Protein backbone atom coordinates (compact mmCIF):
# COMPACT_ATOMS: atom_id res chain seq x y z
CA MET A 1 -4.94 5.49 -18.64
CA ARG A 2 -4.57 5.89 -15.07
CA LYS A 3 -1.58 5.33 -13.29
CA LEU A 4 -0.71 2.78 -10.35
CA ALA A 5 0.64 4.06 -6.88
CA ILE A 6 2.03 2.06 -4.17
CA LEU A 7 1.36 3.65 -0.42
CA THR A 8 3.71 2.27 1.99
CA PHE A 9 4.66 3.10 5.39
CA GLN A 10 8.45 1.50 6.32
CA SER A 11 10.95 1.89 8.59
CA LEU A 12 14.56 3.50 8.46
CA ASP A 13 15.70 -0.32 7.47
CA GLY A 14 12.89 -0.89 5.19
CA ILE A 15 10.60 -3.12 6.77
CA MET A 16 7.10 -2.86 6.55
CA GLN A 17 5.34 -5.66 7.92
CA ALA A 18 2.41 -4.86 10.23
CA PRO A 19 3.39 -1.30 11.42
CA SER A 20 0.05 -0.33 13.42
CA ASP A 21 -0.65 -3.05 14.67
CA PRO A 22 0.96 -6.41 16.60
CA LYS A 23 -1.40 -8.29 15.48
CA GLU A 24 -1.38 -7.19 11.85
CA ASP A 25 0.80 -9.61 9.91
CA THR A 26 2.48 -12.62 12.42
CA SER A 27 4.07 -14.50 9.33
CA GLY A 28 7.68 -15.48 9.80
CA ALA A 29 7.16 -15.15 13.61
CA PHE A 30 7.14 -11.19 13.41
CA THR A 31 6.60 -10.29 16.89
CA LYS A 32 7.94 -6.27 16.28
CA GLY A 33 3.89 -5.79 14.94
CA GLY A 34 2.67 -1.97 15.78
CA TRP A 35 6.45 -0.37 15.52
CA ALA A 36 4.63 2.64 13.77
CA GLN A 37 2.37 3.24 16.75
CA ASP A 38 4.22 6.32 17.87
CA TRP A 39 4.22 8.65 15.11
CA TRP A 40 0.92 6.91 13.68
CA ASN A 41 -1.78 10.31 14.10
CA GLU A 42 0.38 12.81 13.03
CA VAL A 43 1.38 10.46 10.22
CA MET A 44 -2.33 9.81 8.88
CA GLU A 45 -3.10 13.46 9.07
CA GLN A 46 -0.23 13.92 6.04
CA VAL A 47 -1.36 10.56 4.32
CA MET A 48 -5.04 12.30 4.57
CA ARG A 49 -3.90 15.65 2.95
CA GLU A 50 -1.42 14.09 0.80
CA ALA A 51 -2.65 10.53 -0.88
CA MET A 52 -6.25 9.89 0.37
CA SER A 53 -8.15 13.57 -0.21
CA VAL A 54 -9.10 12.97 -4.17
CA PRO A 55 -10.72 9.88 -5.33
CA TYR A 56 -8.95 6.46 -5.91
CA ASP A 57 -9.61 2.59 -6.11
CA LEU A 58 -7.72 0.22 -4.48
CA LEU A 59 -5.38 -2.28 -5.20
CA LEU A 60 -5.18 -4.99 -2.42
CA GLY A 61 -4.01 -8.60 -2.00
CA ARG A 62 -6.18 -10.60 0.19
CA HIS A 63 -4.65 -10.75 3.28
CA THR A 64 -4.90 -6.92 3.54
CA TYR A 65 -8.12 -6.90 2.34
CA GLU A 66 -9.71 -9.10 5.08
CA ILE A 67 -8.02 -6.98 7.74
CA PHE A 68 -9.03 -3.87 6.30
CA ALA A 69 -12.94 -5.49 5.49
CA SER A 70 -12.48 -6.59 9.22
CA HIS A 71 -12.81 -2.95 10.45
CA PHE A 72 -13.44 -0.34 8.06
CA PRO A 73 -17.24 -1.37 7.06
CA ASN A 74 -17.94 -1.15 11.07
CA ALA A 75 -16.24 2.21 11.71
CA ASN A 76 -17.59 5.31 13.03
CA LYS A 77 -19.50 6.56 9.76
CA ASP A 78 -17.63 10.07 11.52
CA ASN A 79 -13.81 8.51 10.30
CA PRO A 80 -12.60 9.91 7.22
CA VAL A 81 -10.26 7.10 6.24
CA ALA A 82 -13.34 4.50 6.89
CA GLN A 83 -15.37 6.62 4.82
CA LYS A 84 -12.68 6.80 2.01
CA LEU A 85 -12.04 3.09 1.92
CA ASN A 86 -15.75 1.98 1.86
CA ASN A 87 -16.65 4.35 -1.14
CA ALA A 88 -13.90 3.31 -3.15
CA ILE A 89 -13.58 0.17 -5.75
CA LYS A 90 -11.34 -2.66 -4.17
CA TYR A 91 -9.92 -4.87 -6.70
CA VAL A 92 -8.74 -7.73 -4.84
CA VAL A 93 -6.41 -10.30 -5.97
CA ALA A 94 -6.78 -13.62 -4.75
CA SER A 95 -6.20 -17.35 -5.58
CA SER A 96 -9.58 -18.72 -4.60
CA LYS A 97 -12.88 -16.85 -5.36
CA SER A 98 -14.22 -17.12 -1.39
CA PRO A 99 -16.57 -14.22 -0.30
CA LEU A 100 -15.62 -10.71 -0.63
CA GLU A 101 -18.50 -9.12 1.33
CA TRP A 102 -17.13 -5.56 1.96
CA GLU A 103 -19.22 -3.36 -0.53
CA ASN A 104 -17.49 -2.07 -3.88
CA THR A 105 -15.29 -5.18 -4.00
CA ILE A 106 -14.07 -6.62 -7.64
CA TYR A 107 -12.06 -10.33 -7.39
CA LEU A 108 -9.47 -10.45 -9.57
CA ASN A 109 -7.72 -13.85 -9.61
CA LYS A 110 -3.84 -15.17 -9.26
CA ASP A 111 -3.45 -14.84 -12.65
CA PHE A 112 -3.79 -10.78 -12.17
CA THR A 113 -0.89 -9.16 -14.68
CA SER A 114 -2.69 -8.51 -17.44
CA GLU A 115 -6.39 -7.76 -15.26
CA ILE A 116 -4.24 -4.62 -14.25
CA ILE A 117 -2.48 -3.93 -17.36
CA GLU A 118 -6.51 -3.85 -18.75
CA LEU A 119 -7.45 -1.52 -15.48
CA LYS A 120 -4.61 1.26 -16.20
CA LYS A 121 -6.00 1.08 -19.46
CA GLN A 122 -9.26 2.53 -18.20
CA ASP A 123 -10.40 5.69 -17.74
CA GLY A 124 -10.74 6.35 -13.69
CA PRO A 125 -9.11 7.62 -10.80
CA LEU A 126 -5.88 6.37 -9.15
CA LEU A 127 -5.40 2.68 -8.56
CA GLN A 128 -3.90 2.83 -4.86
CA VAL A 129 -2.10 -0.11 -3.35
CA HIS A 130 -1.90 -0.30 0.73
CA GLY A 131 -0.13 -3.06 2.30
CA SER A 132 -0.06 -6.11 0.72
CA TRP A 133 3.34 -7.02 0.14
CA GLU A 134 3.30 -10.10 -1.75
CA LEU A 135 1.40 -7.93 -4.67
CA ILE A 136 3.72 -5.05 -4.46
CA GLN A 137 7.03 -7.86 -5.38
CA GLU A 138 5.26 -8.63 -7.91
CA LEU A 139 3.96 -5.52 -9.12
CA LEU A 140 7.72 -4.23 -9.15
CA LYS A 141 8.71 -7.10 -11.26
CA GLN A 142 6.41 -6.30 -13.78
CA ASN A 143 6.87 -2.63 -13.97
CA LEU A 144 3.61 -2.26 -13.50
CA VAL A 145 4.49 0.59 -10.32
CA ASP A 146 4.10 4.66 -11.85
CA GLU A 147 4.33 5.98 -7.80
CA LEU A 148 6.09 4.90 -5.03
CA ARG A 149 4.13 7.11 -1.94
CA LEU A 150 6.71 6.43 1.01
CA TRP A 151 6.19 6.87 4.55
CA THR A 152 9.68 6.45 6.49
CA PHE A 153 9.64 6.43 10.14
CA PRO A 154 12.40 7.04 12.35
CA VAL A 155 12.77 3.44 13.56
CA ILE A 156 15.01 0.48 13.05
CA VAL A 157 13.10 -2.66 13.28
CA GLY A 158 15.45 -5.08 12.35
CA SER A 159 14.06 -8.09 10.68
CA GLY A 160 10.63 -8.33 9.07
CA LYS A 161 8.92 -8.12 5.25
CA ARG A 162 11.24 -4.98 3.59
CA LEU A 163 9.32 -3.04 0.68
CA LEU A 164 12.37 -3.70 -1.97
CA SER A 165 13.16 -7.26 -1.34
CA GLU A 166 16.03 -9.17 -2.74
CA GLY A 167 15.82 -9.98 -6.43
CA THR A 168 13.81 -5.95 -6.98
CA LYS A 169 15.01 -5.06 -10.53
CA PHE A 170 17.43 -1.76 -10.53
CA LYS A 171 15.33 1.30 -10.89
CA LYS A 172 16.19 4.92 -10.96
CA LEU A 173 13.80 7.11 -9.77
CA SER A 174 12.55 10.80 -9.68
CA LEU A 175 11.51 12.32 -6.41
CA ILE A 176 8.15 13.95 -7.31
CA LYS A 177 7.54 15.46 -3.33
CA SER A 178 8.89 15.18 0.12
CA GLU A 179 7.89 16.56 3.37
CA THR A 180 9.05 16.01 6.94
CA CYS A 181 6.43 15.61 9.90
CA LYS A 182 7.41 17.35 12.89
CA ASN A 183 7.68 13.77 14.60
CA GLY A 184 10.38 13.17 11.91
CA ALA A 185 8.57 10.86 9.65
CA ILE A 186 9.33 11.93 6.23
CA MET A 187 7.14 11.29 3.03
CA SER A 188 8.76 10.43 -0.08
CA ILE A 189 6.78 10.50 -3.73
CA TYR A 190 8.74 8.89 -6.37
CA LYS A 191 8.33 8.26 -9.84
CA PRO A 192 10.27 5.37 -11.69
CA ILE A 193 12.03 7.06 -14.43
CA LYS A 194 14.41 3.87 -15.87
CA THR A 195 14.67 0.42 -15.18
CA ILE A 196 18.22 -1.32 -15.93
CA ASP A 197 17.86 -5.30 -16.90
CA ASN A 198 20.09 -7.18 -14.11
């Protein structure tokens, strides 16, 4: 058995859309992309230490996969983030089976819940979700998430895609670990302990 963890960067008001780059996700006429840049380097040092230092596989939505695949395969070979992501197995949820050319990529169809349940039953490293807002909503709805690894930045964005959208199931969580960066961003790792039907 292996666990599934969501790794998300969010603003103080819960926005996770396009934290690193203005062009990352402009859907919904979003114009505030890159809102995490002032805190990025120090947070990424913590992310590398806390979430990317041990083996893991990636579970991605199609849009996040395309963003990653356009950058990391061509990144400097000395880039530790690129090394980790290039070497990981990437499971990609997509509605059509168009070419997925990044090495170590496996396609999951749009009806992916049963496939993920089977993946979790297997031996193997942690399944880690990066970005992938729409996918995260479904994983939360289906109670497939074992950990929430959140980096909360001291900024209020105001609008955009929120990690916990309207209709998210009521859950009680246990805080496993917390650490504050010197720049004010906070890492919080939670484990769901109980789901209460709405």
